C-alpha atoms as a PDB file:
ATOM      1  CA  MET A   1    -138.441-128.618  40.612  1.00  0.00           C
ATOM      2  CA  THR A   2    -135.673-129.338  38.840  1.00  0.00           C
ATOM      3  CA  ILE A   3    -134.129-132.329  39.576  1.00  0.00           C
ATOM      4  CA  ILE A   4    -130.502-133.122  38.335  1.00  0.00           C
ATOM      5  CA  TYR A   5    -128.322-135.775  38.222  1.00  0.00           C
ATOM      6  CA  HIS A   6    -124.672-136.489  39.157  1.00  0.00           C
ATOM      7  CA  MET A   7    -122.342-140.146  38.564  1.00  0.00           C
ATOM      8  CA  ALA A   8    -120.411-140.914  42.128  1.00  0.00           C
ATOM      9  CA  ASP A   9    -118.503-143.873  42.811  1.00  0.00           C
ATOM     10  CA  LYS A  10    -119.888-145.943  45.641  1.00  0.00           C
ATOM     11  CA  ALA A  11    -117.319-146.127  47.807  1.00  0.00           C
ATOM     12  CA  ASP A  12    -116.990-142.133  47.431  1.00  0.00           C
ATOM     13  CA  TRP A  13    -120.761-142.245  48.049  1.00  0.00           C
ATOM     14  CA  ARG A  14    -120.355-144.084  51.394  1.00  0.00           C
ATOM     15  CA  ALA A  15    -117.383-142.377  52.530  1.00  0.00           C
ATOM     16  CA  ALA A  16    -119.717-139.009  51.697  1.00  0.00           C
ATOM     17  CA  LEU A  17    -122.796-140.256  53.816  1.00  0.00           C
ATOM     18  CA  GLU A  18    -119.917-140.590  56.795  1.00  0.00           C
ATOM     19  CA  ALA A  19    -118.424-137.812  56.125  1.00  0.00           C
ATOM     20  CA  GLY A  20    -121.206-135.774  56.092  1.00  0.00           C
ATOM     21  CA  THR A  21    -120.041-133.824  52.900  1.00  0.00           C
ATOM     22  CA  TYR A  22    -119.417-134.930  49.467  1.00  0.00           C
ATOM     23  CA  GLU A  23    -116.309-133.082  47.259  1.00  0.00           C
ATOM     24  CA  GLY A  24    -117.072-134.932  43.982  1.00  0.00           C
ATOM     25  CA  THR A  25    -115.022-136.931  41.437  1.00  0.00           C
ATOM     26  CA  ALA A  26    -111.302-136.734  40.933  1.00  0.00           C
ATOM     27  CA  ALA A  27    -112.828-134.720  37.522  1.00  0.00           C
ATOM     28  CA  ASP A  28    -114.743-132.416  39.756  1.00  0.00           C
ATOM     29  CA  LYS A  29    -111.857-131.812  41.821  1.00  0.00           C
ATOM     30  CA  VAL A  30    -109.963-130.951  38.940  1.00  0.00           C
ATOM     31  CA  ASP A  31    -112.580-128.261  37.676  1.00  0.00           C
ATOM     32  CA  GLY A  32    -113.480-126.718  40.322  1.00  0.00           C
ATOM     33  CA  PHE A  33    -117.085-127.937  40.562  1.00  0.00           C
ATOM     34  CA  ILE A  34    -119.058-130.657  40.556  1.00  0.00           C
ATOM     35  CA  HIS A  35    -120.966-131.568  37.562  1.00  0.00           C
ATOM     36  CA  PHE A  36    -124.255-132.503  37.368  1.00  0.00           C
ATOM     37  CA  SER A  37    -126.746-133.375  34.098  1.00  0.00           C
ATOM     38  CA  SER A  38    -130.426-132.564  33.575  1.00  0.00           C
ATOM     39  CA  CYS A  39    -132.664-135.469  32.567  1.00  0.00           C
ATOM     40  CA  ASP A  40    -132.157-134.222  29.197  1.00  0.00           C
ATOM     41  CA  THR A  41    -128.456-135.084  29.015  1.00  0.00           C
ATOM     42  CA  VAL A  42    -127.289-137.719  32.161  1.00  0.00           C
ATOM     43  CA  VAL A  43    -127.771-140.667  29.808  1.00  0.00           C
ATOM     44  CA  GLU A  44    -125.291-138.635  26.862  1.00  0.00           C
ATOM     45  CA  SER A  45    -123.276-137.700  29.545  1.00  0.00           C
ATOM     46  CA  ALA A  46    -122.483-141.389  30.788  1.00  0.00           C
ATOM     47  CA  ALA A  47    -122.235-142.361  27.514  1.00  0.00           C
ATOM     48  CA  LYS A  48    -119.407-139.891  26.464  1.00  0.00           C
ATOM     49  CA  HIS A  49    -117.398-139.641  29.979  1.00  0.00           C
ATOM     50  CA  ARG A  50    -118.147-142.836  32.015  1.00  0.00           C
ATOM     51  CA  SER A  51    -118.943-145.671  29.822  1.00  0.00           C
ATOM     52  CA  GLY A  52    -117.877-148.884  31.052  1.00  0.00           C
ATOM     53  CA  VAL A  53    -117.504-147.651  34.363  1.00  0.00           C
ATOM     54  CA  GLU A  54    -118.844-149.701  37.220  1.00  0.00           C
ATOM     55  CA  ASN A  55    -119.932-148.952  40.673  1.00  0.00           C
ATOM     56  CA  LEU A  56    -121.537-146.240  39.975  1.00  0.00           C
ATOM     57  CA  LEU A  57    -124.815-144.698  42.034  1.00  0.00           C
ATOM     58  CA  LEU A  58    -126.711-141.686  40.053  1.00  0.00           C
ATOM     59  CA  ILE A  59    -127.127-138.850  42.444  1.00  0.00           C
ATOM     60  CA  SER A  60    -130.609-137.084  42.270  1.00  0.00           C
ATOM     61  CA  VAL A  61    -131.139-133.160  43.723  1.00  0.00           C
ATOM     62  CA  ASN A  62    -133.567-131.040  43.563  1.00  0.00           C
ATOM     63  CA  ALA A  63    -131.554-127.906  41.764  1.00  0.00           C
ATOM     64  CA  ASP A  64    -133.378-125.254  43.397  1.00  0.00           C
ATOM     65  CA  ALA A  65    -132.260-126.977  47.160  1.00  0.00           C
ATOM     66  CA  LEU A  66    -128.730-125.941  45.991  1.00  0.00           C
ATOM     67  CA  GLY A  67    -129.061-122.221  45.521  1.00  0.00           C
ATOM     68  CA  ASP A  68    -126.700-119.556  44.198  1.00  0.00           C
ATOM     69  CA  ARG A  69    -123.761-122.217  44.037  1.00  0.00           C
ATOM     70  CA  LEU A  70    -125.556-123.885  41.531  1.00  0.00           C
ATOM     71  CA  LYS A  71    -124.365-122.363  37.976  1.00  0.00           C
ATOM     72  CA  TRP A  72    -126.044-123.385  34.795  1.00  0.00           C
ATOM     73  CA  GLU A  73    -123.242-123.040  32.162  1.00  0.00           C
ATOM     74  CA  PRO A  74    -122.497-123.465  28.515  1.00  0.00           C
ATOM     75  CA  ALA A  75    -120.988-127.175  27.332  1.00  0.00           C
ATOM     76  CA  ARG A  76    -120.540-128.744  24.793  1.00  0.00           C
ATOM     77  CA  GLY A  77    -122.548-127.535  21.762  1.00  0.00           C
ATOM     78  CA  GLY A  78    -124.127-124.707  24.043  1.00  0.00           C
ATOM     79  CA  ILE A  79    -126.221-126.845  26.033  1.00  0.00           C
ATOM     80  CA  LEU A  80    -126.201-125.465  29.689  1.00  0.00           C
ATOM     81  CA  PHE A  81    -125.325-127.922  32.459  1.00  0.00           C
ATOM     82  CA  PRO A  82    -125.769-127.376  35.889  1.00  0.00           C
ATOM     83  CA  HIS A  83    -122.174-127.138  37.968  1.00  0.00           C
ATOM     84  CA  LEU A  84    -122.538-126.819  41.778  1.00  0.00           C
ATOM     85  CA  TYR A  85    -119.615-124.232  43.355  1.00  0.00           C
ATOM     86  CA  GLY A  86    -118.338-126.351  46.650  1.00  0.00           C
ATOM     87  CA  PRO A  87    -119.322-129.627  48.442  1.00  0.00           C
ATOM     88  CA  LEU A  88    -122.563-130.920  48.290  1.00  0.00           C
ATOM     89  CA  ASP A  89    -124.289-132.237  51.655  1.00  0.00           C
ATOM     90  CA  PRO A  90    -125.722-135.329  51.334  1.00  0.00           C
ATOM     91  CA  THR A  91    -129.047-134.526  53.083  1.00  0.00           C
ATOM     92  CA  LEU A  92    -129.999-132.642  49.981  1.00  0.00           C
ATOM     93  CA  VAL A  93    -129.869-135.643  47.968  1.00  0.00           C
ATOM     94  CA  THR A  94    -133.191-137.160  46.911  1.00  0.00           C
ATOM     95  CA  ALA A  95    -132.276-140.528  45.527  1.00  0.00           C
ATOM     96  CA  ALA A  96    -129.483-142.435  45.067  1.00  0.00           C
ATOM     97  CA  VAL A  97    -129.702-145.432  43.207  1.00  0.00           C
ATOM     98  CA  ASP A  98    -127.344-148.232  41.522  1.00  0.00           C
ATOM     99  CA  LEU A  99    -126.523-147.546  37.985  1.00  0.00           C
ATOM    100  CA  PRO A 100    -125.712-151.071  36.404  1.00  0.00           C
ATOM    101  CA  LEU A 101    -124.030-152.014  33.553  1.00  0.00           C
ATOM    102  CA  GLY A 102    -125.054-153.363  30.394  1.00  0.00           C
ATOM    103  CA  PRO A 103    -123.442-155.943  27.906  1.00  0.00           C
ATOM    104  CA  ASP A 104    -123.047-152.502  25.655  1.00  0.00           C
ATOM    105  CA  ASN A 105    -121.056-150.905  28.656  1.00  0.00           C
ATOM    106  CA  LEU A 106    -123.491-148.373  28.616  1.00  0.00           C
ATOM    107  CA  HIS A 107    -125.151-147.498  31.575  1.00  0.00           C
ATOM    108  CA  ILE A 108    -128.964-149.075  32.290  1.00  0.00           C
ATOM    109  CA  PHE A 109    -130.798-146.062  33.448  1.00  0.00           C
ATOM    110  CA  PRO A 110    -133.927-145.653  35.949  1.00  0.00           C
ATOM    111  CA  GLU A 111    -136.911-143.795  34.733  1.00  0.00           C
ATOM    112  CA  LEU A 112    -136.026-139.961  35.111  1.00  0.00           C
ATOM    113  CA  GLU A 113    -137.927-137.155  36.829  1.00  0.00           C
END
């Protein structure tokens, strides 16, 4: 089982739970897919793209549950990142935990699988 991660705004995630579907962040909508990261890339991605952003949740999903809508595509430096083409069904999420900011404006991550 491969766990992948997404950083979602808490209010957006609450709305997704009520609606039964998650469309992603504003950047995801522009790019046409929901950005995920592996355990090897999520901390660096958070520092690069979400530094200082408050009210985030770290969403965990079993990559296998997403089927063929999940594509592993090269990004910075040729590293493969998981991209979900289409909405995320919140029932597929295995965990959603707070992602607080540390004093350096970087997020404090839980232990990752």
